[in-house]
Amino acid sequence: LTFYKGDCSDRALLDQIASEHDIAGIIHFAAFKAVGESTMQPLKYYQNNLGSLLAILDFMKTEQIKDIVFSSSCTVYGQPEKLPVTEATPRQNAESPYGNTKKICEDILVDAVKSKAGIRVISLRYFNPVGAHPSGKIGELPIGTPANLVPFVTQTAAGIREKLTVFGDDYDTADGSCVRDFIHVMDLADAHVKALAYLGEQQDDFYDVFNVGTGNGNTVLEVIRTFEKINRIKVNFEIGARRPGDVVKIWADTTKINSVLNWHPSYSLEDSLRDSWNWQKTL
């Protein structure tokens, strides 16, 4: 793979890439994504997350690139009234500026398609990606303090961090901790491959959205206990106060992506937590 290190808002870089490659499609992952940080620095999130997408769309227009798969998020559903959520579930007011940037980006893409720009778009609403490549050679390496649960679990288990804080144990869930739909990053990658292939079969000015999750919800405490069991190691954790912006519980209805893209997850939560720990140990 040819790799360029740079900012996708840097038009000179994008032009250089276009001059050196025939670009068939774009997968746009780049964004700031820490819910807590976004509540403290909202302008940083709006500038980066919206600005980078606008730059990419302008670049696509110039280069006549048709296809883009956008990394959206289940945060667009806010705290849903009914579970599991389908793609038809109404989007709620975002619980955080991060979530709002994903809603706005989806709206930008819809408007671009409506303008007859000749593009074909799929927004994939990620649930909670976890895990690492099964080889242990590719994984998640947060800079500074992790914003996601599983890297915090693995770093605590490895002794890098003294303890893990679970944000709240008094929610209306099985054990009082928040519920999420944790999906292995390899399954998520496969969904992008299938989404790009599907776009190639569509007419111009096409837009669709798919949930990418397992269809199951697990609590934060279940994740910790499963990690301890599967890897035979204890995790030092404590219960802390609730965290602003956190949704209480959410998981996906995956009927649409199963049937339309013929995508099905292949990895379990146990697989995800085993692979995450194997990755951590290689560091």
Protein backbone atom coordinates (compact mmCIF):
# COMPACT_ATOMS: atom_id res chain seq x y z
CA LEU A 1 0.00 0.00 0.00
CA THR A 2 1.15 3.52 -0.76
CA PHE A 3 0.80 5.71 2.32
CA TYR A 4 0.77 9.50 2.48
CA LYS A 5 0.94 11.20 5.87
CA GLY A 6 -1.03 14.43 5.85
CA ASP A 7 -4.29 16.22 6.47
CA CYS A 8 -7.21 15.56 4.14
CA SER A 9 -8.05 19.28 4.36
CA ASP A 10 -4.71 19.92 2.60
CA ARG A 11 -5.75 20.36 -1.03
CA ALA A 12 -2.16 20.33 -2.30
CA LEU A 13 -1.71 16.86 -0.81
CA LEU A 14 -4.96 15.62 -2.33
CA ASP A 15 -3.93 16.98 -5.73
CA GLN A 16 -0.57 15.24 -5.44
CA ILE A 17 -2.27 11.91 -4.66
CA ALA A 18 -4.63 12.35 -7.62
CA SER A 19 -1.68 13.05 -9.93
CA GLU A 20 0.02 9.81 -8.87
CA HIS A 21 -2.98 7.44 -8.70
CA ASP A 22 -6.22 6.65 -10.45
CA ILE A 23 -8.68 6.97 -7.55
CA ALA A 24 -11.69 4.65 -7.88
CA GLY A 25 -13.34 5.58 -4.59
CA ILE A 26 -12.80 7.15 -1.20
CA ILE A 27 -13.36 5.87 2.33
CA HIS A 28 -13.42 8.87 4.66
CA PHE A 29 -12.41 7.84 8.19
CA ALA A 30 -10.67 10.99 9.37
CA ALA A 31 -12.27 12.74 12.36
CA PHE A 32 -11.80 13.65 15.98
CA LYS A 33 -13.91 11.18 17.92
CA ALA A 34 -13.67 11.52 21.71
CA VAL A 35 -17.13 12.24 23.11
CA GLY A 36 -15.83 13.76 26.34
CA GLU A 37 -13.27 15.98 24.63
CA SER A 38 -15.88 17.21 22.16
CA THR A 39 -18.01 18.59 25.00
CA MET A 40 -14.99 20.56 26.20
CA GLN A 41 -13.68 21.68 22.78
CA PRO A 42 -16.68 21.79 20.41
CA LEU A 43 -15.19 24.24 17.89
CA LYS A 44 -12.17 21.98 17.38
CA TYR A 45 -14.57 19.16 16.44
CA TYR A 46 -16.75 21.21 14.10
CA GLN A 47 -13.77 22.68 12.29
CA ASN A 48 -11.99 19.37 11.76
CA ASN A 49 -14.87 16.97 11.18
CA LEU A 50 -16.95 19.20 8.91
CA GLY A 51 -14.03 20.92 7.20
CA SER A 52 -12.31 17.71 6.18
CA LEU A 53 -15.48 16.29 4.59
CA LEU A 54 -16.14 19.50 2.67
CA ALA A 55 -12.56 19.43 1.37
CA ILE A 56 -12.93 15.82 0.26
CA LEU A 57 -16.23 16.51 -1.54
CA ASP A 58 -14.75 19.50 -3.36
CA PHE A 59 -11.79 17.34 -4.38
CA MET A 60 -14.12 14.59 -5.62
CA LYS A 61 -15.97 17.11 -7.79
CA THR A 62 -12.75 18.36 -9.39
CA GLU A 63 -11.39 14.87 -10.02
CA GLN A 64 -14.78 13.40 -10.99
CA ILE A 65 -14.53 10.69 -8.34
CA LYS A 66 -17.96 9.15 -7.84
CA ASP A 67 -17.86 6.89 -4.80
CA ILE A 68 -17.42 7.67 -1.12
CA VAL A 69 -18.04 5.58 2.00
CA PHE A 70 -18.38 7.81 5.05
CA SER A 71 -17.64 6.82 8.63
CA SER A 72 -20.75 7.83 10.52
CA SER A 73 -21.75 6.71 13.98
CA CYS A 74 -24.58 5.31 16.04
CA THR A 75 -24.28 8.52 18.07
CA VAL A 76 -26.65 10.10 15.50
CA TYR A 77 -29.46 8.16 17.21
CA GLY A 78 -28.79 9.89 20.54
CA GLN A 79 -30.58 8.00 23.31
CA PRO A 80 -33.18 6.11 21.25
CA GLU A 81 -36.68 5.56 22.57
CA LYS A 82 -36.84 2.03 21.14
CA LEU A 83 -34.15 -0.68 20.83
CA PRO A 84 -32.58 -2.07 18.77
CA VAL A 85 -32.17 0.85 16.37
CA THR A 86 -32.82 0.44 12.65
CA GLU A 87 -31.68 2.82 9.93
CA ALA A 88 -35.22 4.24 10.02
CA THR A 89 -34.95 5.09 13.73
CA PRO A 90 -35.30 8.88 14.03
CA ARG A 91 -32.07 10.69 14.68
CA GLN A 92 -32.23 12.46 18.02
CA ASN A 93 -30.59 15.62 19.26
CA ALA A 94 -26.95 14.65 19.63
CA GLU A 95 -25.67 13.93 23.13
CA SER A 96 -22.32 15.55 22.26
CA PRO A 97 -20.71 17.88 19.71
CA TYR A 98 -18.93 14.81 18.29
CA GLY A 99 -22.28 13.15 17.62
CA ASN A 100 -23.61 16.36 16.11
CA THR A 101 -20.72 16.53 13.65
CA LYS A 102 -21.69 13.08 12.37
CA LYS A 103 -25.32 14.16 11.95
CA ILE A 104 -24.27 17.29 10.07
CA CYS A 105 -21.85 15.34 7.86
CA GLU A 106 -24.65 12.95 6.92
CA ASP A 107 -26.84 15.96 6.03
CA ILE A 108 -24.04 17.45 3.92
CA LEU A 109 -23.74 14.19 1.99
CA VAL A 110 -27.51 13.95 1.45
CA ASP A 111 -27.60 17.52 0.14
CA ALA A 112 -24.64 16.85 -2.15
CA VAL A 113 -26.47 13.87 -3.65
CA LYS A 114 -29.69 15.91 -4.03
CA SER A 115 -27.75 18.57 -5.92
CA LYS A 116 -27.11 16.03 -8.71
CA ALA A 117 -23.37 16.12 -8.10
CA GLY A 118 -23.07 12.69 -9.73
CA ILE A 119 -21.73 10.99 -6.60
CA ARG A 120 -22.66 7.74 -4.90
CA VAL A 121 -22.56 7.68 -1.12
CA ILE A 122 -22.94 5.19 1.71
CA SER A 123 -22.83 6.30 5.33
CA LEU A 124 -21.89 3.47 7.66
CA ARG A 125 -23.15 4.06 11.17
CA TYR A 126 -20.53 2.36 13.30
CA PHE A 127 -21.46 1.01 16.68
CA ASN A 128 -18.41 0.37 18.92
CA PRO A 129 -15.36 -0.94 17.07
CA VAL A 130 -12.96 -3.01 19.18
CA GLY A 131 -10.30 -5.65 18.66
CA ALA A 132 -7.19 -5.74 16.50
CA HIS A 133 -5.83 -7.66 13.55
CA PRO A 134 -5.59 -11.35 14.59
CA SER A 135 -1.86 -11.30 13.75
CA GLY A 136 -1.31 -8.91 16.66
CA LYS A 137 0.63 -6.62 14.30
CA ILE A 138 -2.03 -3.96 13.66
CA GLY A 139 -4.15 -2.43 16.41
CA GLU A 140 -5.35 0.63 18.23
CA LEU A 141 -2.65 2.81 19.77
CA PRO A 142 -4.22 5.92 21.32
CA ILE A 143 -2.04 8.99 21.75
CA GLY A 144 -2.20 10.04 25.39
CA THR A 145 -5.13 8.91 27.52
CA PRO A 146 -7.43 6.50 25.66
CA ALA A 147 -10.96 7.74 24.97
CA ASN A 148 -12.31 4.24 24.33
CA LEU A 149 -13.04 1.47 26.80
CA VAL A 150 -11.01 -1.45 25.45
CA PRO A 151 -7.60 0.30 25.13
CA PHE A 152 -8.10 1.47 28.71
CA VAL A 153 -8.81 -2.12 29.74
CA THR A 154 -5.74 -3.50 27.96
CA GLN A 155 -3.43 -0.75 29.24
CA THR A 156 -4.67 -1.29 32.79
CA ALA A 157 -4.18 -5.06 32.48
CA ALA A 158 -0.65 -4.40 31.17
CA GLY A 159 0.16 -2.19 34.16
CA ILE A 160 0.51 0.97 32.07
CA ARG A 161 -2.42 2.48 33.94
CA GLU A 162 -3.13 2.00 37.61
CA LYS A 163 -6.87 1.49 37.26
CA LEU A 164 -9.86 1.79 34.98
CA THR A 165 -12.86 3.94 35.89
CA VAL A 166 -16.34 2.72 34.94
CA PHE A 167 -18.48 5.81 34.45
CA GLY A 168 -21.60 5.04 36.46
CA ASP A 169 -23.21 1.86 37.77
CA ASP A 170 -26.68 3.24 38.46
CA TYR A 171 -28.13 3.29 34.94
CA ASP A 172 -31.25 1.35 33.98
CA THR A 173 -29.33 -1.68 32.66
CA ALA A 174 -28.67 -5.25 33.80
CA ASP A 175 -25.73 -4.30 36.03
CA GLY A 176 -26.05 -0.50 36.08
CA SER A 177 -23.28 0.21 33.55
CA CYS A 178 -23.83 1.50 30.01
CA VAL A 179 -24.68 -0.90 27.16
CA ARG A 180 -22.94 -0.83 23.77
CA ASP A 181 -22.78 -2.95 20.63
CA PHE A 182 -19.10 -3.94 20.30
CA ILE A 183 -18.00 -4.93 16.80
CA HIS A 184 -14.65 -6.39 15.80
CA VAL A 185 -12.61 -4.01 13.65
CA MET A 186 -12.04 -6.78 11.06
CA ASP A 187 -15.79 -7.14 10.57
CA LEU A 188 -16.02 -3.36 10.26
CA ALA A 189 -13.31 -3.37 7.59
CA ASP A 190 -15.19 -6.04 5.67
CA ALA A 191 -18.33 -3.87 5.71
CA HIS A 192 -16.38 -1.11 3.93
CA VAL A 193 -15.20 -3.49 1.20
CA LYS A 194 -18.78 -4.63 0.62
CA ALA A 195 -20.07 -1.03 0.69
CA LEU A 196 -17.62 0.10 -2.01
CA ALA A 197 -18.50 -2.87 -4.19
CA TYR A 198 -22.20 -2.12 -3.77
CA LEU A 199 -21.72 1.55 -4.72
CA GLY A 200 -20.12 0.44 -7.96
CA GLU A 201 -23.42 -1.18 -8.97
CA GLN A 202 -25.57 1.93 -8.36
CA GLN A 203 -26.71 4.82 -10.53
CA ASP A 204 -25.30 8.31 -10.00
CA ASP A 205 -26.78 10.48 -7.23
CA PHE A 206 -27.20 7.55 -4.85
CA TYR A 207 -27.31 7.68 -1.06
CA ASP A 208 -27.90 4.99 1.54
CA VAL A 209 -27.07 4.33 5.17
CA PHE A 210 -26.31 1.11 7.04
CA ASN A 211 -25.85 0.17 10.68
CA VAL A 212 -22.63 -1.76 11.31
CA GLY A 213 -22.91 -3.67 14.59
CA THR A 214 -23.42 -7.18 15.88
CA GLY A 215 -27.04 -6.77 16.92
CA ASN A 216 -26.12 -7.53 20.54
CA GLY A 217 -25.62 -5.23 23.51
CA ASN A 218 -23.05 -5.75 26.27
CA THR A 219 -22.52 -3.68 29.39
CA VAL A 220 -19.20 -2.12 30.28
CA LEU A 221 -18.88 -4.46 33.26
CA GLU A 222 -19.62 -7.48 31.04
CA VAL A 223 -16.77 -6.43 28.76
CA ILE A 224 -14.36 -6.22 31.70
CA ARG A 225 -15.42 -9.62 33.06
CA THR A 226 -15.24 -11.23 29.61
CA PHE A 227 -11.76 -9.76 29.09
CA GLU A 228 -10.63 -11.16 32.44
CA LYS A 229 -12.07 -14.60 31.68
CA ILE A 230 -10.82 -14.98 28.11
CA ASN A 231 -7.31 -13.68 28.86
CA ARG A 232 -6.99 -15.02 32.42
CA ILE A 233 -5.88 -11.71 33.87
CA LYS A 234 -7.44 -9.31 36.37
CA VAL A 235 -8.27 -5.70 35.59
CA ASN A 236 -8.12 -3.14 38.41
CA PHE A 237 -11.22 -0.98 38.08
CA GLU A 238 -13.40 1.31 40.16
CA ILE A 239 -16.86 2.79 39.76
CA GLY A 240 -16.89 6.52 39.10
CA ALA A 241 -19.47 9.20 38.40
CA ARG A 242 -21.49 9.32 35.22
CA ARG A 243 -19.77 11.01 32.25
CA PRO A 244 -21.44 13.90 30.39
CA GLY A 245 -22.62 13.01 26.89
CA ASP A 246 -22.82 9.24 27.42
CA VAL A 247 -25.79 7.40 25.93
CA VAL A 248 -27.20 4.84 28.39
CA LYS A 249 -27.78 1.92 26.03
CA ILE A 250 -27.79 1.28 22.33
CA TRP A 251 -27.36 -1.65 19.97
CA ALA A 252 -28.04 -2.24 16.30
CA ASP A 253 -30.67 -3.93 14.22
CA THR A 254 -28.47 -5.30 11.42
CA THR A 255 -31.23 -6.71 9.19
CA LYS A 256 -30.60 -4.19 6.40
CA ILE A 257 -26.84 -4.65 6.05
CA ASN A 258 -27.25 -8.43 6.37
CA SER A 259 -29.71 -8.55 3.49
CA VAL A 260 -28.61 -5.73 1.16
CA LEU A 261 -24.81 -5.98 1.44
CA ASN A 262 -24.78 -9.67 2.45
CA TRP A 263 -22.57 -8.68 5.37
CA HIS A 264 -22.50 -10.66 8.60
CA PRO A 265 -20.08 -10.37 11.52
CA SER A 266 -17.62 -13.25 11.87
CA TYR A 267 -16.00 -12.35 15.19
CA SER A 268 -17.38 -12.58 18.74
CA LEU A 269 -16.81 -10.28 21.71
CA GLU A 270 -14.41 -12.92 23.06
CA ASP A 271 -12.45 -12.79 19.78
CA SER A 272 -12.30 -8.99 19.97
CA LEU A 273 -10.98 -8.95 23.53
CA ARG A 274 -8.46 -11.74 22.87
CA ASP A 275 -7.13 -9.90 19.79
CA SER A 276 -6.98 -6.59 21.68
CA TRP A 277 -4.90 -8.19 24.43
CA ASN A 278 -2.58 -9.93 21.93
CA TRP A 279 -2.01 -6.56 20.26
CA GLN A 280 -1.29 -4.87 23.61
CA LYS A 281 1.26 -7.56 24.50
CA THR A 282 3.19 -6.98 21.24
CA LEU A 283 3.74 -3.35 22.26
